[in-house]
Amino acid sequence: MFYVYILKSEVDGRLYKGMTTDLQKRIEQHNLGNNKSTKGFLPWVLVYKEEFETRVEAREREKYFKSGVGREYLQNIINV
């Protein structure tokens, strides 16, 4: 199972979009400061996730969330 996830920084409200096979471990890694792009905005909370059968499906969805239309979609469902 592959997960596409959205994290929200409790510092400034920014969103981080990612993909993983182990969601809990990945969130822990972000909150331990192991990711350079999220380290400065700790702590992070999970605000949205989707599950996919294949890596290809998950990657396409992650790319969508990182697009302009995808960011608008997230704002509507997460109420950022």
PDB file of N, CA and C in Angstrom:
ATOM      1  N   MET A   1       0.839  -1.174   0.000  1.00  0.00           N
ATOM      2  CA  MET A   1       0.000   0.000   0.000  1.00  0.00           C
ATOM      3  C   MET A   1       0.891   1.247   0.000  1.00  0.00           C
ATOM      4  N   PHE A   2       0.507   2.222  -0.796  1.00  0.00           N
ATOM      5  CA  PHE A   2       1.232   3.489  -0.874  1.00  0.00           C
ATOM      6  C   PHE A   2       0.326   4.599  -0.377  1.00  0.00           C
ATOM      7  N   TYR A   3       0.895   5.549   0.310  1.00  0.00           N
ATOM      8  CA  TYR A   3       0.132   6.671   0.863  1.00  0.00           C
ATOM      9  C   TYR A   3       0.639   7.984   0.304  1.00  0.00           C
ATOM     10  N   VAL A   4      -0.289   8.842  -0.040  1.00  0.00           N
ATOM     11  CA  VAL A   4       0.022  10.234  -0.337  1.00  0.00           C
ATOM     12  C   VAL A   4      -0.521  10.995   0.862  1.00  0.00           C
ATOM     13  N   TYR A   5       0.318  11.846   1.430  1.00  0.00           N
ATOM     14  CA  TYR A   5      -0.068  12.500   2.674  1.00  0.00           C
ATOM     15  C   TYR A   5       0.182  14.005   2.600  1.00  0.00           C
ATOM     16  N   ILE A   6      -0.583  14.714   3.407  1.00  0.00           N
ATOM     17  CA  ILE A   6      -0.430  16.164   3.521  1.00  0.00           C
ATOM     18  C   ILE A   6      -0.178  16.474   4.985  1.00  0.00           C
ATOM     19  N   LEU A   7       0.925  17.148   5.255  1.00  0.00           N
ATOM     20  CA  LEU A   7       1.247  17.589   6.604  1.00  0.00           C
ATOM     21  C   LEU A   7       1.082  19.092   6.684  1.00  0.00           C
ATOM     22  N   LYS A   8       0.721  19.561   7.853  1.00  0.00           N
ATOM     23  CA  LYS A   8       0.588  20.997   8.078  1.00  0.00           C
ATOM     24  C   LYS A   8       1.516  21.398   9.219  1.00  0.00           C
ATOM     25  N   SER A   9       2.289  22.450   8.996  1.00  0.00           N
ATOM     26  CA  SER A   9       3.197  22.953  10.022  1.00  0.00           C
ATOM     27  C   SER A   9       2.391  23.700  11.071  1.00  0.00           C
ATOM     28  N   GLU A  10       2.640  23.369  12.329  1.00  0.00           N
ATOM     29  CA  GLU A  10       1.975  24.102  13.410  1.00  0.00           C
ATOM     30  C   GLU A  10       2.645  25.449  13.662  1.00  0.00           C
ATOM     31  N   VAL A  11       3.788  25.686  13.022  1.00  0.00           N
ATOM     32  CA  VAL A  11       4.501  26.962  13.167  1.00  0.00           C
ATOM     33  C   VAL A  11       3.851  28.040  12.311  1.00  0.00           C
ATOM     34  N   ASP A  12       3.681  27.750  11.011  1.00  0.00           N
ATOM     35  CA  ASP A  12       3.168  28.791  10.123  1.00  0.00           C
ATOM     36  C   ASP A  12       2.040  28.326   9.198  1.00  0.00           C
ATOM     37  N   GLY A  13       1.589  27.087   9.342  1.00  0.00           N
ATOM     38  CA  GLY A  13       0.452  26.620   8.560  1.00  0.00           C
ATOM     39  C   GLY A  13       0.766  26.135   7.160  1.00  0.00           C
ATOM     40  N   ARG A  14       2.038  26.141   6.768  1.00  0.00           N
ATOM     41  CA  ARG A  14       2.379  25.674   5.425  1.00  0.00           C
ATOM     42  C   ARG A  14       2.075  24.187   5.299  1.00  0.00           C
ATOM     43  N   LEU A  15       1.842  23.754   4.063  1.00  0.00           N
ATOM     44  CA  LEU A  15       1.545  22.355   3.794  1.00  0.00           C
ATOM     45  C   LEU A  15       2.736  21.678   3.135  1.00  0.00           C
ATOM     46  N   TYR A  16       2.932  20.408   3.459  1.00  0.00           N
ATOM     47  CA  TYR A  16       3.946  19.579   2.822  1.00  0.00           C
ATOM     48  C   TYR A  16       3.236  18.378   2.229  1.00  0.00           C
ATOM     49  N   LYS A  17       3.527  18.076   0.971  1.00  0.00           N
ATOM     50  CA  LYS A  17       2.903  16.942   0.286  1.00  0.00           C
ATOM     51  C   LYS A  17       3.960  15.888   0.038  1.00  0.00           C
ATOM     52  N   GLY A  18       3.642  14.624   0.358  1.00  0.00           N
ATOM     53  CA  GLY A  18       4.610  13.559   0.164  1.00  0.00           C
ATOM     54  C   GLY A  18       3.962  12.220  -0.100  1.00  0.00           C
ATOM     55  N   MET A  19       4.814  11.219  -0.317  1.00  0.00           N
ATOM     56  CA  MET A  19       4.368   9.867  -0.610  1.00  0.00           C
ATOM     57  C   MET A  19       5.258   8.890   0.149  1.00  0.00           C
ATOM     58  N   THR A  20       4.664   7.789   0.656  1.00  0.00           N
ATOM     59  CA  THR A  20       5.429   6.802   1.417  1.00  0.00           C
ATOM     60  C   THR A  20       4.695   5.476   1.463  1.00  0.00           C
ATOM     61  N   THR A  21       5.393   4.449   1.925  1.00  0.00           N
ATOM     62  CA  THR A  21       4.747   3.159   2.175  1.00  0.00           C
ATOM     63  C   THR A  21       4.522   2.947   3.669  1.00  0.00           C
ATOM     64  N   ASP A  22       5.176   3.737   4.511  1.00  0.00           N
ATOM     65  CA  ASP A  22       5.030   3.626   5.967  1.00  0.00           C
ATOM     66  C   ASP A  22       4.723   5.014   6.527  1.00  0.00           C
ATOM     67  N   LEU A  23       3.452   5.311   6.630  1.00  0.00           N
ATOM     68  CA  LEU A  23       3.011   6.663   6.977  1.00  0.00           C
ATOM     69  C   LEU A  23       3.469   7.092   8.372  1.00  0.00           C
ATOM     70  N   GLN A  24       3.277   6.238   9.374  1.00  0.00           N
ATOM     71  CA  GLN A  24       3.661   6.613  10.740  1.00  0.00           C
ATOM     72  C   GLN A  24       5.158   6.905  10.849  1.00  0.00           C
ATOM     73  N   LYS A  25       5.962   6.043  10.256  1.00  0.00           N
ATOM     74  CA  LYS A  25       7.420   6.233  10.289  1.00  0.00           C
ATOM     75  C   LYS A  25       7.810   7.530   9.591  1.00  0.00           C
ATOM     76  N   ARG A  26       7.169   7.816   8.476  1.00  0.00           N
ATOM     77  CA  ARG A  26       7.505   9.022   7.709  1.00  0.00           C
ATOM     78  C   ARG A  26       7.152  10.292   8.487  1.00  0.00           C
ATOM     79  N   ILE A  27       6.010  10.294   9.145  1.00  0.00           N
ATOM     80  CA  ILE A  27       5.628  11.466   9.950  1.00  0.00           C
ATOM     81  C   ILE A  27       6.627  11.659  11.091  1.00  0.00           C
ATOM     82  N   GLU A  28       7.042  10.562  11.719  1.00  0.00           N
ATOM     83  CA  GLU A  28       8.044  10.647  12.779  1.00  0.00           C
ATOM     84  C   GLU A  28       9.342  11.237  12.249  1.00  0.00           C
ATOM     85  N   GLN A  29       9.755  10.809  11.049  1.00  0.00           N
ATOM     86  CA  GLN A  29      10.984  11.333  10.454  1.00  0.00           C
ATOM     87  C   GLN A  29      10.893  12.842  10.242  1.00  0.00           C
ATOM     88  N   HIS A  30       9.740  13.292   9.757  1.00  0.00           N
ATOM     89  CA  HIS A  30       9.557  14.739   9.568  1.00  0.00           C
ATOM     90  C   HIS A  30       9.669  15.467  10.911  1.00  0.00           C
ATOM     91  N   ASN A  31       9.025  14.943  11.937  1.00  0.00           N
ATOM     92  CA  ASN A  31       8.999  15.620  13.230  1.00  0.00           C
ATOM     93  C   ASN A  31      10.291  15.492  14.024  1.00  0.00           C
ATOM     94  N   LEU A  32      11.162  14.582  13.618  1.00  0.00           N
ATOM     95  CA  LEU A  32      12.481  14.484  14.235  1.00  0.00           C
ATOM     96  C   LEU A  32      13.493  15.384  13.532  1.00  0.00           C
ATOM     97  N   GLY A  33      13.071  16.041  12.458  1.00  0.00           N
ATOM     98  CA  GLY A  33      13.962  16.936  11.728  1.00  0.00           C
ATOM     99  C   GLY A  33      14.860  16.220  10.738  1.00  0.00           C
ATOM    100  N   ASN A  34      14.486  15.004  10.318  1.00  0.00           N
ATOM    101  CA  ASN A  34      15.314  14.230   9.386  1.00  0.00           C
ATOM    102  C   ASN A  34      15.126  14.627   7.929  1.00  0.00           C
ATOM    103  N   ASN A  35      14.220  15.531   7.650  1.00  0.00           N
ATOM    104  CA  ASN A  35      13.972  15.971   6.282  1.00  0.00           C
ATOM    105  C   ASN A  35      14.367  17.444   6.182  1.00  0.00           C
ATOM    106  N   LYS A  36      15.308  17.744   5.321  1.00  0.00           N
ATOM    107  CA  LYS A  36      15.833  19.107   5.204  1.00  0.00           C
ATOM    108  C   LYS A  36      14.753  20.147   4.893  1.00  0.00           C
ATOM    109  N   SER A  37      13.792  19.779   4.036  1.00  0.00           N
ATOM    110  CA  SER A  37      12.785  20.760   3.626  1.00  0.00           C
ATOM    111  C   SER A  37      11.708  21.013   4.674  1.00  0.00           C
ATOM    112  N   THR A  38      11.592  20.146   5.669  1.00  0.00           N
ATOM    113  CA  THR A  38      10.562  20.358   6.700  1.00  0.00           C
ATOM    114  C   THR A  38      11.147  20.661   8.072  1.00  0.00           C
ATOM    115  N   LYS A  39      12.443  20.534   8.214  1.00  0.00           N
ATOM    116  CA  LYS A  39      13.124  20.671   9.502  1.00  0.00           C
ATOM    117  C   LYS A  39      12.851  22.000  10.210  1.00  0.00           C
ATOM    118  N   GLY A  40      12.793  23.072   9.473  1.00  0.00           N
ATOM    119  CA  GLY A  40      12.645  24.395  10.077  1.00  0.00           C
ATOM    120  C   GLY A  40      11.227  24.771  10.471  1.00  0.00           C
ATOM    121  N   PHE A  41      10.285  23.875  10.284  1.00  0.00           N
ATOM    122  CA  PHE A  41       8.891  24.229  10.525  1.00  0.00           C
ATOM    123  C   PHE A  41       8.182  23.228  11.433  1.00  0.00           C
ATOM    124  N   LEU A  42       8.936  22.602  12.322  1.00  0.00           N
ATOM    125  CA  LEU A  42       8.401  21.618  13.267  1.00  0.00           C
ATOM    126  C   LEU A  42       7.479  22.280  14.280  1.00  0.00           C
ATOM    127  N   PRO A  43       6.500  21.598  14.787  1.00  0.00           N
ATOM    128  CA  PRO A  43       6.075  20.230  14.474  1.00  0.00           C
ATOM    129  C   PRO A  43       5.076  20.198  13.315  1.00  0.00           C
ATOM    130  N   TRP A  44       4.913  18.993  12.753  1.00  0.00           N
ATOM    131  CA  TRP A  44       3.993  18.746  11.646  1.00  0.00           C
ATOM    132  C   TRP A  44       2.871  17.835  12.111  1.00  0.00           C
ATOM    133  N   VAL A  45       1.668  18.081  11.591  1.00  0.00           N
ATOM    134  CA  VAL A  45       0.533  17.201  11.886  1.00  0.00           C
ATOM    135  C   VAL A  45      -0.070  16.728  10.568  1.00  0.00           C
ATOM    136  N   LEU A  46      -0.513  15.488  10.563  1.00  0.00           N
ATOM    137  CA  LEU A  46      -1.159  14.917   9.394  1.00  0.00           C
ATOM    138  C   LEU A  46      -2.552  15.516   9.262  1.00  0.00           C
ATOM    139  N   VAL A  47      -2.857  16.099   8.097  1.00  0.00           N
ATOM    140  CA  VAL A  47      -4.191  16.683   7.891  1.00  0.00           C
ATOM    141  C   VAL A  47      -4.977  15.970   6.809  1.00  0.00           C
ATOM    142  N   TYR A  48      -4.297  15.132   5.993  1.00  0.00           N
ATOM    143  CA  TYR A  48      -5.005  14.439   4.918  1.00  0.00           C
ATOM    144  C   TYR A  48      -4.140  13.303   4.398  1.00  0.00           C
ATOM    145  N   LYS A  49      -4.787  12.196   4.003  1.00  0.00           N
ATOM    146  CA  LYS A  49      -4.053  11.089   3.391  1.00  0.00           C
ATOM    147  C   LYS A  49      -4.972  10.335   2.438  1.00  0.00           C
ATOM    148  N   GLU A  50      -4.365   9.686   1.470  1.00  0.00           N
ATOM    149  CA  GLU A  50      -5.060   8.812   0.540  1.00  0.00           C
ATOM    150  C   GLU A  50      -4.213   7.565   0.354  1.00  0.00           C
ATOM    151  N   GLU A  51      -4.857   6.416   0.138  1.00  0.00           N
ATOM    152  CA  GLU A  51      -4.166   5.145  -0.068  1.00  0.00           C
ATOM    153  C   GLU A  51      -4.274   4.721  -1.528  1.00  0.00           C
ATOM    154  N   PHE A  52      -3.200   4.093  -2.021  1.00  0.00           N
ATOM    155  CA  PHE A  52      -3.167   3.618  -3.397  1.00  0.00           C
ATOM    156  C   PHE A  52      -2.533   2.239  -3.461  1.00  0.00           C
ATOM    157  N   GLU A  53      -2.946   1.468  -4.437  1.00  0.00           N
ATOM    158  CA  GLU A  53      -2.407   0.122  -4.643  1.00  0.00           C
ATOM    159  C   GLU A  53      -1.016   0.153  -5.257  1.00  0.00           C
ATOM    160  N   THR A  54      -0.776   1.103  -6.147  1.00  0.00           N
ATOM    161  CA  THR A  54       0.509   1.132  -6.848  1.00  0.00           C
ATOM    162  C   THR A  54       1.255   2.443  -6.615  1.00  0.00           C
ATOM    163  N   ARG A  55       2.562   2.353  -6.775  1.00  0.00           N
ATOM    164  CA  ARG A  55       3.430   3.522  -6.646  1.00  0.00           C
ATOM    165  C   ARG A  55       3.114   4.556  -7.732  1.00  0.00           C
ATOM    166  N   VAL A  56       2.805   4.094  -8.918  1.00  0.00           N
ATOM    167  CA  VAL A  56       2.500   4.988 -10.033  1.00  0.00           C
ATOM    168  C   VAL A  56       1.266   5.832  -9.719  1.00  0.00           C
ATOM    169  N   GLU A  57       0.217   5.204  -9.202  1.00  0.00           N
ATOM    170  CA  GLU A  57      -1.007   5.947  -8.844  1.00  0.00           C
ATOM    171  C   GLU A  57      -0.713   6.984  -7.768  1.00  0.00           C
ATOM    172  N   ALA A  58       0.051   6.574  -6.761  1.00  0.00           N
ATOM    173  CA  ALA A  58       0.379   7.483  -5.660  1.00  0.00           C
ATOM    174  C   ALA A  58       1.212   8.659  -6.154  1.00  0.00           C
ATOM    175  N   ARG A  59       2.168   8.390  -7.012  1.00  0.00           N
ATOM    176  CA  ARG A  59       3.039   9.454  -7.527  1.00  0.00           C
ATOM    177  C   ARG A  59       2.244  10.463  -8.359  1.00  0.00           C
ATOM    178  N   GLU A  60       1.308   9.968  -9.152  1.00  0.00           N
ATOM    179  CA  GLU A  60       0.473  10.867  -9.949  1.00  0.00           C
ATOM    180  C   GLU A  60      -0.364  11.772  -9.050  1.00  0.00           C
ATOM    181  N   ARG A  61      -0.913  11.204  -7.980  1.00  0.00           N
ATOM    182  CA  ARG A  61      -1.735  11.997  -7.063  1.00  0.00           C
ATOM    183  C   ARG A  61      -0.883  13.026  -6.331  1.00  0.00           C
ATOM    184  N   GLU A  62       0.326  12.641  -5.930  1.00  0.00           N
ATOM    185  CA  GLU A  62       1.236  13.575  -5.272  1.00  0.00           C
ATOM    186  C   GLU A  62       1.560  14.742  -6.208  1.00  0.00           C
ATOM    187  N   LYS A  63       1.838  14.432  -7.465  1.00  0.00           N
ATOM    188  CA  LYS A  63       2.116  15.479  -8.455  1.00  0.00           C
ATOM    189  C   LYS A  63       0.917  16.417  -8.601  1.00  0.00           C
ATOM    190  N   TYR A  64      -0.280  15.841  -8.591  1.00  0.00           N
ATOM    191  CA  TYR A  64      -1.492  16.657  -8.688  1.00  0.00           C
ATOM    192  C   TYR A  64      -1.577  17.628  -7.513  1.00  0.00           C
ATOM    193  N   PHE A  65      -1.344  17.133  -6.294  1.00  0.00           N
ATOM    194  CA  PHE A  65      -1.419  17.997  -5.114  1.00  0.00           C
ATOM    195  C   PHE A  65      -0.388  19.117  -5.150  1.00  0.00           C
ATOM    196  N   LYS A  66       0.708  18.898  -5.849  1.00  0.00           N
ATOM    197  CA  LYS A  66       1.748  19.917  -5.940  1.00  0.00           C
ATOM    198  C   LYS A  66       1.497  20.911  -7.076  1.00  0.00           C
ATOM    199  N   SER A  67       0.465  20.651  -7.880  1.00  0.00           N
ATOM    200  CA  SER A  67       0.119  21.560  -8.972  1.00  0.00           C
ATOM    201  C   SER A  67      -0.783  22.675  -8.444  1.00  0.00           C
ATOM    202  N   GLY A  68      -0.983  23.688  -9.242  1.00  0.00           N
ATOM    203  CA  GLY A  68      -1.859  24.794  -8.844  1.00  0.00           C
ATOM    204  C   GLY A  68      -3.283  24.348  -8.565  1.00  0.00           C
ATOM    205  N   VAL A  69      -3.831  23.524  -9.441  1.00  0.00           N
ATOM    206  CA  VAL A  69      -5.191  23.017  -9.257  1.00  0.00           C
ATOM    207  C   VAL A  69      -5.263  22.137  -8.017  1.00  0.00           C
ATOM    208  N   GLY A  70      -4.241  21.334  -7.796  1.00  0.00           N
ATOM    209  CA  GLY A  70      -4.196  20.458  -6.624  1.00  0.00           C
ATOM    210  C   GLY A  70      -4.114  21.241  -5.329  1.00  0.00           C
ATOM    211  N   ARG A  71      -3.352  22.332  -5.327  1.00  0.00           N
ATOM    212  CA  ARG A  71      -3.272  23.174  -4.128  1.00  0.00           C
ATOM    213  C   ARG A  71      -4.622  23.807  -3.811  1.00  0.00           C
ATOM    214  N   GLU A  72      -5.331  24.232  -4.848  1.00  0.00           N
ATOM    215  CA  GLU A  72      -6.673  24.788  -4.647  1.00  0.00           C
ATOM    216  C   GLU A  72      -7.612  23.732  -4.069  1.00  0.00           C
ATOM    217  N   TYR A  73      -7.534  22.516  -4.608  1.00  0.00           N
ATOM    218  CA  TYR A  73      -8.357  21.413  -4.110  1.00  0.00           C
ATOM    219  C   TYR A  73      -8.091  21.183  -2.621  1.00  0.00           C
ATOM    220  N   LEU A  74      -6.820  21.158  -2.242  1.00  0.00           N
ATOM    221  CA  LEU A  74      -6.462  20.943  -0.838  1.00  0.00           C
ATOM    222  C   LEU A  74      -6.976  22.063   0.053  1.00  0.00           C
ATOM    223  N   GLN A  75      -6.888  23.298  -0.407  1.00  0.00           N
ATOM    224  CA  GLN A  75      -7.395  24.408   0.390  1.00  0.00           C
ATOM    225  C   GLN A  75      -8.882  24.246   0.663  1.00  0.00           C
ATOM    226  N   ASN A  76      -9.621  23.747  -0.329  1.00  0.00           N
ATOM    227  CA  ASN A  76     -11.055  23.559  -0.165  1.00  0.00           C
ATOM    228  C   ASN A  76     -11.401  22.434   0.805  1.00  0.00           C
ATOM    229  N   ILE A  77     -10.642  21.347   0.788  1.00  0.00           N
ATOM    230  CA  ILE A  77     -10.990  20.228   1.660  1.00  0.00           C
ATOM    231  C   ILE A  77     -10.375  20.321   3.044  1.00  0.00           C
ATOM    232  N   ILE A  78      -9.262  21.035   3.166  1.00  0.00           N
ATOM    233  CA  ILE A  78      -8.598  21.157   4.458  1.00  0.00           C
ATOM    234  C   ILE A  78      -8.971  22.454   5.163  1.00  0.00           C
ATOM    235  N   ASN A  79      -9.471  23.412   4.427  1.00  0.00           N
ATOM    236  CA  ASN A  79      -9.819  24.720   4.988  1.00  0.00           C
ATOM    237  C   ASN A  79      -8.614  25.416   5.611  1.00  0.00           C
ATOM    238  N   VAL A  80      -7.565  25.522   4.808  1.00  0.00           N
ATOM    239  CA  VAL A  80      -6.316  26.153   5.280  1.00  0.00           C
ATOM    240  C   VAL A  80      -6.527  27.642   5.403  1.00  0.00           C
TER     241      VAL A  80
END
